[in-house]
Amino acid sequence: MSGYMRKEGFDNDLLDANASRRSIDDIKEVIKNKIPDVIFFSTSTCTIYKDLLVAKVAKEVNSSIVTVAVGTHVMALPHDTFAESEYLDVIVYSSEWEETSLNVLKNISDLKNARGIYLRKTSGEIIKTDIQAPVSDLDMLGFPAHDKLERDIYGDPTSKRSPKSIVMGQKACINNCSFCCQPAFFGAPVLRKRSVEHFLEELKWVQDLGFQEVMFNDATLTADLEWAALLFEGMIRNKIDLTWNCSTRAERVNPEILKLMKKAGCHTIALGMESVDSTVLKNIRKNIHPEQIREAVSLIRKNGMNTVLFCVVGFPGETRKSIEKTISFLKTIDSTFITLGIAVPAPGTDFFRHIEENNYLLTRDWSRYDPMKRPVFSYPELSADEILYYSTYGLRQFYLRPRYIFNRVIAIRNMSDVSKNFNNFVGFMKRYVIHSRT
């Protein structure tokens, strides 16, 4: 959004208050110094109450500042969100966030002409403006504003180098998982892709800015194997010196594409597994089989890259037996990392509707909708406390195995690896062994 606004003649400031650990008072001081005409702020379900404080302090500084909330939570619950904050003026409901943000800027004097938004009029009436048509040519959005980032604040346990940024070459996903915000808010699984040439130009610029690593934020980077191969070949041909990680699906990797990915700088590939139980997988429309996961992990590791398996406990159909089955499977697979988060029913998804319609929901306190906290739902045969227990138990079962620890130790190549592994281990012990989650 920031890069597109600038491309279209509206310069702006970009602030990641969470990653830079700024308080709401710090944000207020920034607003006092800048006195912007409009503030766009991102939201999520579990942070919505804190996110809305941005609108409050903006109005305290200058009541004429237009406050605009962006994110899937507000898209799902626009009227609830307006009721939460009297300081909020606009909610973006369109999945075309970049184009809709530009609509707001171009129609700032008469926002009812801005397509893709909910608008609170001075009378208090909330209106929904016309639909914003999908953007067919993603190249026209330009490049994200990498140069506006505070570069040294980003990283994750898989990172090899820093500073790090995020890039994305596609919109939407090829699958339709019931729990995911991608199909719920960004349309049917029809992939829209940037041209490879345009994407390569961005990667060159990212490197020129001094970044050494990126994360490809595409839901399934190798969804279109031909497009992906052209991208990786272009990175190799242009000698783009960026290490990177990405996500894809197990059935969208093969020996040929993996060799290209490794040569182009890839070090870690994440795969969505969620569960190995056939009932759970069917209920969430995952369209994957555990043996496809096993084969994909084996291929990736043979090609010299690490893997992350995204696993979740608590989806519809889950039982004690199905969770134990998933944990047992994980202990037999050579994945470098796993996650075992707690299922979160995001408002607007089919999963949320299922939980709500069957009276499994325990709370609408959105701050509790966090995969690291006790579930916000409970099943008749599987309680919230049991789901929470199994999440922590499963992670301990995987990461505290002597064989796993030995493999991590022998994989150490330098002092940076020593430091990273030590910090990750200490963090894991504090969170999952010493302290229990609530």
Protein backbone atom coordinates (compact mmCIF):
# COMPACT_ATOMS: atom_id res chain seq x y z
CA MET A 1 0.00 0.00 0.00
CA SER A 2 2.76 2.43 0.94
CA GLY A 3 4.72 1.75 -2.25
CA TYR A 4 1.65 2.03 -4.47
CA MET A 5 0.53 5.31 -2.89
CA ARG A 6 3.98 6.77 -3.50
CA LYS A 7 4.02 5.48 -7.07
CA GLU A 8 0.73 7.30 -7.67
CA GLY A 9 2.02 10.60 -6.25
CA PHE A 10 1.04 10.38 -2.58
CA ASP A 11 4.16 10.16 -0.46
CA ASN A 12 3.75 8.73 3.00
CA ASP A 13 5.47 7.51 6.13
CA LEU A 14 5.57 3.82 7.03
CA LEU A 15 5.85 2.72 10.67
CA ASP A 16 5.91 -0.83 12.03
CA ALA A 17 5.11 -0.02 15.63
CA ASN A 18 4.90 -3.65 16.77
CA ALA A 19 8.22 -4.87 15.42
CA SER A 20 9.99 -1.69 16.54
CA ARG A 21 8.38 -2.07 20.00
CA ARG A 22 6.81 1.36 20.08
CA SER A 23 4.08 2.10 22.60
CA ILE A 24 0.83 3.87 21.79
CA ASP A 25 2.35 7.01 23.38
CA ASP A 26 5.26 6.74 20.96
CA ILE A 27 2.79 6.52 18.07
CA LYS A 28 0.98 9.59 19.36
CA GLU A 29 4.25 11.54 19.33
CA VAL A 30 4.90 10.48 15.72
CA ILE A 31 1.42 11.69 14.74
CA LYS A 32 2.02 15.02 16.53
CA ASN A 33 5.21 15.50 14.56
CA LYS A 34 3.79 14.50 11.18
CA ILE A 35 0.14 15.71 11.39
CA PRO A 36 -0.96 13.48 8.50
CA ASP A 37 -4.19 13.88 6.55
CA VAL A 38 -4.92 10.15 6.68
CA ILE A 39 -3.72 7.25 8.82
CA PHE A 40 -4.07 3.70 7.51
CA PHE A 41 -3.44 1.10 10.20
CA SER A 42 -3.36 -2.68 9.96
CA THR A 43 -5.39 -4.91 12.24
CA SER A 44 -5.72 -8.54 13.26
CA THR A 45 -8.29 -10.33 15.37
CA CYS A 46 -6.21 -10.84 18.51
CA THR A 47 -4.80 -7.28 18.40
CA ILE A 48 -7.92 -5.37 17.36
CA TYR A 49 -8.45 -3.59 20.70
CA LYS A 50 -4.88 -2.28 20.70
CA ASP A 51 -5.01 -1.51 16.97
CA LEU A 52 -8.01 0.75 17.45
CA LEU A 53 -6.02 2.88 19.90
CA VAL A 54 -4.23 4.26 16.84
CA ALA A 55 -7.49 5.87 15.70
CA LYS A 56 -8.07 7.24 19.21
CA VAL A 57 -4.70 8.96 19.60
CA ALA A 58 -4.89 10.28 16.02
CA LYS A 59 -8.18 12.03 16.77
CA GLU A 60 -6.79 13.35 20.05
CA VAL A 61 -3.97 14.98 18.10
CA ASN A 62 -6.17 16.33 15.32
CA SER A 63 -9.85 15.48 14.93
CA SER A 64 -9.69 16.09 11.17
CA ILE A 65 -7.29 13.18 10.55
CA VAL A 66 -9.11 10.45 8.61
CA THR A 67 -8.58 7.08 10.30
CA VAL A 68 -8.72 3.95 8.12
CA ALA A 69 -8.60 0.35 9.38
CA VAL A 70 -7.30 -2.44 7.12
CA GLY A 71 -7.32 -6.20 7.68
CA THR A 72 -9.40 -9.35 7.50
CA HIS A 73 -10.93 -8.91 10.97
CA VAL A 74 -12.49 -5.57 10.09
CA MET A 75 -13.55 -6.92 6.71
CA ALA A 76 -15.48 -9.69 8.50
CA LEU A 77 -16.94 -7.53 11.26
CA PRO A 78 -17.20 -3.93 10.03
CA HIS A 79 -20.18 -2.87 12.14
CA ASP A 80 -18.79 -4.51 15.29
CA THR A 81 -15.50 -2.69 14.71
CA PHE A 82 -17.16 0.69 14.28
CA ALA A 83 -19.05 0.03 17.54
CA GLU A 84 -15.72 -0.65 19.29
CA SER A 85 -14.27 2.76 18.41
CA GLU A 86 -15.96 6.11 17.97
CA TYR A 87 -12.67 7.39 16.50
CA LEU A 88 -12.72 5.18 13.41
CA ASP A 89 -13.83 6.77 10.13
CA VAL A 90 -13.26 4.16 7.42
CA ILE A 91 -12.91 0.38 7.03
CA VAL A 92 -11.50 -1.16 3.87
CA TYR A 93 -13.75 -4.08 2.89
CA SER A 94 -12.28 -4.72 -0.55
CA SER A 95 -9.58 -7.36 -0.96
CA GLU A 96 -7.80 -4.87 -3.26
CA TRP A 97 -6.21 -2.99 -0.40
CA GLU A 98 -3.73 -1.04 -2.54
CA GLU A 99 -6.28 0.26 -5.02
CA THR A 100 -8.82 1.02 -2.28
CA SER A 101 -6.27 2.99 -0.26
CA LEU A 102 -5.61 5.09 -3.35
CA ASN A 103 -9.37 5.61 -3.76
CA VAL A 104 -9.47 7.05 -0.24
CA LEU A 105 -6.68 9.51 -0.99
CA LYS A 106 -8.18 10.62 -4.29
CA ASN A 107 -11.61 11.15 -2.74
CA ILE A 108 -10.60 12.49 0.64
CA SER A 109 -12.99 15.45 0.37
CA ASP A 110 -15.97 13.20 -0.45
CA LEU A 111 -15.28 9.67 0.74
CA LYS A 112 -18.58 8.22 -0.41
CA ASN A 113 -17.01 8.18 -3.89
CA ALA A 114 -14.12 5.98 -2.70
CA ARG A 115 -14.80 2.43 -3.85
CA GLY A 116 -14.24 -0.52 -1.53
CA ILE A 117 -14.90 1.02 1.89
CA TYR A 118 -17.35 1.28 4.76
CA LEU A 119 -17.69 4.93 5.80
CA ARG A 120 -19.06 6.43 8.99
CA LYS A 121 -20.74 9.71 8.13
CA THR A 122 -20.83 12.66 10.52
CA SER A 123 -24.42 11.69 11.37
CA GLY A 124 -23.17 8.30 12.59
CA GLU A 125 -24.71 6.42 9.67
CA ILE A 126 -22.48 3.71 8.21
CA ILE A 127 -22.57 3.28 4.45
CA LYS A 128 -20.92 0.82 2.11
CA THR A 129 -19.52 2.27 -1.10
CA ASP A 130 -19.33 0.62 -4.51
CA ILE A 131 -17.18 -2.43 -5.12
CA GLN A 132 -13.58 -2.05 -6.23
CA ALA A 133 -12.92 -4.26 -9.27
CA PRO A 134 -10.03 -6.75 -9.00
CA VAL A 135 -6.63 -5.65 -10.28
CA SER A 136 -5.68 -7.90 -13.19
CA ASP A 137 -2.18 -6.54 -13.81
CA LEU A 138 -0.28 -6.79 -10.52
CA ASP A 139 2.79 -5.12 -12.06
CA MET A 140 0.92 -1.81 -12.08
CA LEU A 141 1.05 -1.79 -8.26
CA GLY A 142 4.79 -1.14 -8.40
CA PHE A 143 7.18 -2.22 -5.64
CA PRO A 144 6.54 -2.33 -1.89
CA ALA A 145 8.27 0.42 0.09
CA HIS A 146 11.27 -1.63 1.25
CA ASP A 147 13.30 1.54 1.60
CA LYS A 148 10.93 2.83 4.29
CA LEU A 149 11.47 -0.15 6.59
CA GLU A 150 13.50 -0.05 9.79
CA ARG A 151 15.65 -2.79 8.40
CA ASP A 152 17.30 -4.33 11.44
CA ILE A 153 14.15 -5.36 13.32
CA TYR A 154 13.11 -8.38 11.24
CA GLY A 155 14.09 -12.03 11.47
CA ASP A 156 12.82 -15.46 12.48
CA PRO A 157 14.29 -18.76 13.71
CA THR A 158 14.98 -19.90 10.15
CA SER A 159 16.83 -16.76 9.03
CA LYS A 160 20.38 -17.14 7.76
CA ARG A 161 21.31 -13.50 7.20
CA SER A 162 20.13 -10.00 7.94
CA PRO A 163 18.74 -7.47 7.26
CA LYS A 164 15.61 -9.18 5.99
CA SER A 165 12.53 -8.05 4.08
CA ILE A 166 9.39 -9.67 2.63
CA VAL A 167 8.44 -9.99 -1.02
CA MET A 168 5.43 -11.46 -2.80
CA GLY A 169 4.85 -12.38 -6.43
CA GLN A 170 1.30 -13.76 -6.38
CA LYS A 171 -2.10 -13.09 -4.90
CA ALA A 172 -4.57 -15.75 -3.71
CA CYS A 173 -4.01 -19.45 -3.12
CA ILE A 174 -4.66 -22.59 -5.15
CA ASN A 175 -6.47 -24.32 -2.28
CA ASN A 176 -9.60 -23.49 -0.28
CA CYS A 177 -8.90 -24.45 3.34
CA SER A 178 -11.88 -23.82 5.62
CA PHE A 179 -9.83 -22.03 8.29
CA CYS A 180 -7.81 -19.73 6.05
CA CYS A 181 -8.39 -16.02 5.43
CA GLN A 182 -7.02 -16.26 1.87
CA PRO A 183 -10.11 -17.86 0.26
CA ALA A 184 -12.50 -16.24 2.73
CA PHE A 185 -11.47 -12.69 1.85
CA PHE A 186 -9.40 -12.76 -1.32
CA GLY A 187 -11.64 -14.82 -3.54
CA ALA A 188 -11.70 -18.22 -5.18
CA PRO A 189 -8.42 -20.08 -5.68
CA VAL A 190 -7.56 -18.29 -8.92
CA LEU A 191 -3.92 -17.29 -8.91
CA ARG A 192 -2.86 -13.83 -10.05
CA LYS A 193 0.85 -13.48 -10.74
CA ARG A 194 3.24 -10.63 -11.36
CA SER A 195 5.44 -10.92 -14.43
CA VAL A 196 8.73 -12.62 -13.67
CA GLU A 197 10.62 -9.64 -15.15
CA HIS A 198 8.89 -7.18 -12.80
CA PHE A 199 9.50 -9.39 -9.78
CA LEU A 200 13.19 -9.76 -10.63
CA GLU A 201 13.55 -5.98 -10.82
CA GLU A 202 12.17 -5.72 -7.29
CA LEU A 203 14.60 -8.35 -6.02
CA LYS A 204 17.50 -6.48 -7.59
CA TRP A 205 16.36 -3.29 -5.87
CA VAL A 206 15.99 -5.08 -2.53
CA GLN A 207 19.58 -6.27 -2.86
CA ASP A 208 20.78 -2.79 -3.84
CA LEU A 209 19.13 -1.41 -0.68
CA GLY A 210 21.41 -3.66 1.38
CA PHE A 211 19.03 -6.45 2.29
CA GLN A 212 20.65 -9.87 2.37
CA GLU A 213 17.62 -12.08 2.91
CA VAL A 214 13.92 -12.15 2.02
CA MET A 215 10.87 -14.19 2.82
CA PHE A 216 8.60 -15.00 -0.11
CA ASN A 217 5.17 -14.33 1.36
CA ASP A 218 3.28 -16.17 -1.38
CA ALA A 219 0.82 -18.75 -0.04
CA THR A 220 2.21 -21.35 -2.49
CA LEU A 221 5.35 -20.06 -4.19
CA THR A 222 5.58 -23.01 -6.59
CA ALA A 223 1.84 -23.19 -7.37
CA ASP A 224 2.67 -22.50 -11.02
CA LEU A 225 5.81 -24.58 -11.54
CA GLU A 226 6.62 -22.98 -14.90
CA TRP A 227 6.38 -19.44 -13.50
CA ALA A 228 8.42 -20.45 -10.46
CA ALA A 229 11.15 -22.05 -12.58
CA LEU A 230 11.45 -18.88 -14.68
CA LEU A 231 11.75 -16.83 -11.48
CA PHE A 232 14.48 -19.00 -9.96
CA GLU A 233 16.38 -19.22 -13.26
CA GLY A 234 16.19 -15.42 -13.48
CA MET A 235 17.56 -15.05 -9.94
CA ILE A 236 20.45 -17.36 -10.83
CA ARG A 237 21.14 -15.68 -14.17
CA ASN A 238 21.11 -12.19 -12.61
CA LYS A 239 23.34 -13.36 -9.74
CA ILE A 240 20.86 -12.08 -7.15
CA ASP A 241 22.61 -12.63 -3.83
CA LEU A 242 19.67 -13.10 -1.46
CA THR A 243 19.09 -16.05 0.84
CA TRP A 244 15.42 -16.81 1.37
CA ASN A 245 12.61 -18.94 2.76
CA CYS A 246 9.13 -19.60 1.45
CA SER A 247 5.93 -21.65 1.76
CA THR A 248 4.42 -24.09 -0.69
CA ARG A 249 2.34 -27.26 -0.86
CA ALA A 250 3.73 -30.79 -0.75
CA GLU A 251 2.42 -31.75 -4.18
CA ARG A 252 4.03 -28.68 -5.77
CA VAL A 253 7.66 -29.70 -5.33
CA ASN A 254 9.79 -32.02 -7.43
CA PRO A 255 13.54 -32.69 -7.77
CA GLU A 256 13.95 -30.26 -10.68
CA ILE A 257 12.30 -27.26 -9.01
CA LEU A 258 14.06 -27.94 -5.70
CA LYS A 259 17.47 -27.91 -7.37
CA LEU A 260 16.66 -24.51 -8.86
CA MET A 261 15.39 -23.19 -5.53
CA LYS A 262 18.55 -24.25 -3.72
CA LYS A 263 20.77 -22.71 -6.39
CA ALA A 264 18.75 -19.47 -6.27
CA GLY A 265 19.37 -19.07 -2.54
CA CYS A 266 16.54 -20.93 -0.80
CA HIS A 267 17.41 -22.38 2.61
CA THR A 268 14.01 -23.22 4.16
CA ILE A 269 10.66 -24.35 2.77
CA ALA A 270 7.49 -24.42 4.87
CA LEU A 271 4.69 -26.89 4.17
CA GLY A 272 1.16 -26.88 5.56
CA MET A 273 0.29 -30.26 7.08
CA GLU A 274 -2.09 -29.33 9.93
CA SER A 275 -2.94 -32.95 10.83
CA VAL A 276 -2.49 -36.52 9.62
CA ASP A 277 -6.01 -37.60 10.53
CA SER A 278 -8.16 -38.20 7.43
CA THR A 279 -11.37 -36.90 9.04
CA VAL A 280 -9.75 -33.66 10.15
CA LEU A 281 -8.08 -33.15 6.77
CA LYS A 282 -11.39 -33.68 4.98
CA ASN A 283 -13.22 -31.30 7.31
CA ILE A 284 -10.76 -28.48 6.68
CA ARG A 285 -10.52 -29.17 2.92
CA LYS A 286 -6.74 -29.51 3.09
CA ASN A 287 -6.51 -31.78 0.02
CA ILE A 288 -3.25 -33.31 1.12
CA HIS A 289 -2.12 -36.75 2.29
CA PRO A 290 0.47 -37.39 5.04
CA GLU A 291 2.63 -39.49 2.73
CA GLN A 292 2.84 -36.56 0.31
CA ILE A 293 4.22 -34.54 3.22
CA ARG A 294 6.73 -37.26 4.09
CA GLU A 295 7.94 -37.48 0.50
CA ALA A 296 8.17 -33.70 0.09
CA VAL A 297 10.16 -33.30 3.33
CA SER A 298 12.53 -36.06 2.22
CA LEU A 299 13.07 -34.43 -1.20
CA ILE A 300 13.65 -30.98 0.29
CA ARG A 301 16.14 -32.28 2.84
CA LYS A 302 17.99 -34.31 0.20
CA ASN A 303 18.40 -31.09 -1.78
CA GLY A 304 20.10 -29.40 1.15
CA MET A 305 17.27 -27.22 2.47
CA ASN A 306 15.48 -27.07 5.81
CA THR A 307 11.77 -27.64 6.32
CA VAL A 308 9.06 -26.21 8.55
CA LEU A 309 5.83 -28.17 8.98
CA PHE A 310 2.82 -26.07 9.95
CA CYS A 311 0.68 -28.25 12.21
CA VAL A 312 -2.42 -27.31 14.21
CA VAL A 313 -4.50 -28.97 16.92
CA GLY A 314 -8.22 -28.43 17.43
CA PHE A 315 -9.81 -28.39 14.00
CA PRO A 316 -13.30 -29.94 13.56
CA GLY A 317 -13.20 -33.71 13.96
CA GLU A 318 -10.18 -33.59 16.27
CA THR A 319 -9.97 -36.18 19.04
CA ARG A 320 -7.35 -37.21 21.57
CA LYS A 321 -6.51 -40.12 19.29
CA SER A 322 -6.13 -37.95 16.17
CA ILE A 323 -3.81 -35.53 17.98
CA GLU A 324 -1.66 -38.36 19.31
CA LYS A 325 -1.55 -39.81 15.80
CA THR A 326 -0.26 -36.50 14.41
CA ILE A 327 2.37 -36.19 17.15
CA SER A 328 3.55 -39.77 16.53
CA PHE A 329 3.85 -39.04 12.80
CA LEU A 330 5.88 -35.89 13.42
CA LYS A 331 8.42 -37.87 15.45
CA THR A 332 9.07 -40.11 12.44
CA ILE A 333 9.73 -37.36 9.92
CA ASP A 334 12.98 -35.50 9.28
CA SER A 335 11.63 -31.95 9.44
CA THR A 336 13.97 -29.25 10.73
CA PHE A 337 11.18 -27.36 12.49
CA ILE A 338 7.49 -27.81 13.25
CA THR A 339 4.76 -25.62 14.63
CA LEU A 340 1.88 -27.05 16.65
CA GLY A 341 -0.36 -24.07 17.22
CA ILE A 342 -3.91 -24.05 18.48
CA ALA A 343 -6.66 -23.65 15.90
CA VAL A 344 -8.05 -20.12 15.82
CA PRO A 345 -11.50 -19.58 14.26
CA ALA A 346 -10.92 -16.34 12.38
CA PRO A 347 -14.15 -14.37 11.88
CA GLY A 348 -15.35 -14.65 8.30
CA THR A 349 -14.03 -18.17 7.71
CA ASP A 350 -16.04 -21.37 7.41
CA PHE A 351 -14.24 -22.67 10.51
CA PHE A 352 -15.56 -19.74 12.56
CA ARG A 353 -19.09 -20.29 11.25
CA HIS A 354 -18.89 -24.00 12.16
CA ILE A 355 -17.74 -23.25 15.71
CA GLU A 356 -20.35 -20.54 16.21
CA GLU A 357 -23.30 -22.44 14.70
CA ASN A 358 -22.59 -25.52 16.83
CA ASN A 359 -22.32 -23.48 20.05
CA TYR A 360 -18.70 -24.48 20.63
CA LEU A 361 -17.54 -20.87 20.97
CA LEU A 362 -16.52 -19.83 24.49
CA THR A 363 -15.82 -16.13 24.02
CA ARG A 364 -15.87 -13.22 21.63
CA ASP A 365 -13.05 -11.51 23.50
CA TRP A 366 -10.90 -11.06 20.41
CA SER A 367 -7.69 -10.69 22.42
CA ARG A 368 -8.00 -14.40 23.21
CA TYR A 369 -7.98 -15.42 19.53
CA ASP A 370 -4.29 -16.29 19.58
CA PRO A 371 -2.72 -19.63 18.54
CA MET A 372 -0.44 -19.39 21.56
CA LYS A 373 -3.31 -19.19 24.06
CA ARG A 374 -6.06 -21.45 25.42
CA PRO A 375 -8.62 -22.16 22.66
CA VAL A 376 -11.67 -19.93 22.42
CA PHE A 377 -13.83 -22.99 21.79
CA SER A 378 -14.43 -26.39 23.32
CA TYR A 379 -15.83 -29.58 21.79
CA PRO A 380 -18.10 -32.01 23.66
CA GLU A 381 -15.46 -34.75 23.45
CA LEU A 382 -12.32 -32.57 23.51
CA SER A 383 -12.05 -29.65 25.89
CA ALA A 384 -10.17 -26.39 25.43
CA ASP A 385 -7.80 -27.39 28.23
CA GLU A 386 -7.00 -30.68 26.53
CA ILE A 387 -6.26 -28.96 23.23
CA LEU A 388 -3.95 -26.52 25.04
CA TYR A 389 -2.17 -29.38 26.80
CA TYR A 390 -1.62 -31.38 23.62
CA SER A 391 -0.18 -28.36 21.79
CA THR A 392 2.56 -27.92 24.38
CA TYR A 393 3.04 -31.66 24.89
CA GLY A 394 3.48 -32.27 21.16
CA LEU A 395 6.12 -29.59 20.81
CA ARG A 396 8.10 -31.02 23.73
CA GLN A 397 7.81 -34.51 22.23
CA PHE A 398 9.28 -33.28 18.94
CA TYR A 399 11.98 -30.81 20.01
CA LEU A 400 13.32 -32.51 23.17
CA ARG A 401 14.12 -35.84 21.50
CA PRO A 402 17.84 -36.70 21.92
CA ARG A 403 18.07 -37.52 18.22
CA TYR A 404 16.64 -34.14 17.22
CA ILE A 405 18.99 -32.25 19.55
CA PHE A 406 21.97 -34.26 18.25
CA ASN A 407 21.04 -33.47 14.63
CA ARG A 408 20.76 -29.76 15.42
CA VAL A 409 24.18 -29.78 17.09
CA ILE A 410 25.97 -31.52 14.23
CA ALA A 411 24.36 -29.11 11.76
CA ILE A 412 26.14 -26.15 13.39
CA ARG A 413 28.61 -24.55 10.99
CA ASN A 414 29.67 -21.28 12.66
CA MET A 415 29.31 -19.12 15.78
CA SER A 416 26.21 -17.47 14.35
CA ASP A 417 24.55 -20.91 14.28
CA VAL A 418 25.64 -21.51 17.87
CA SER A 419 24.10 -18.23 19.04
CA LYS A 420 20.88 -18.75 17.09
CA ASN A 421 20.38 -22.32 18.28
CA PHE A 422 21.12 -21.37 21.87
CA ASN A 423 18.65 -18.47 21.84
CA ASN A 424 15.98 -20.61 20.20
CA PHE A 425 16.49 -23.37 22.76
CA VAL A 426 16.33 -21.01 25.73
CA GLY A 427 13.18 -19.39 24.35
CA PHE A 428 11.59 -22.80 23.80
CA MET A 429 12.39 -23.97 27.34
CA LYS A 430 10.98 -20.80 28.88
CA ARG A 431 7.75 -20.97 26.91
CA TYR A 432 6.99 -24.68 26.73
CA VAL A 433 8.75 -26.27 29.69
CA ILE A 434 9.23 -23.76 32.51
CA HIS A 435 6.04 -21.74 32.01
CA SER A 436 2.65 -23.11 31.02
CA ARG A 437 0.44 -21.18 28.59
CA THR A 438 -2.92 -19.71 29.55
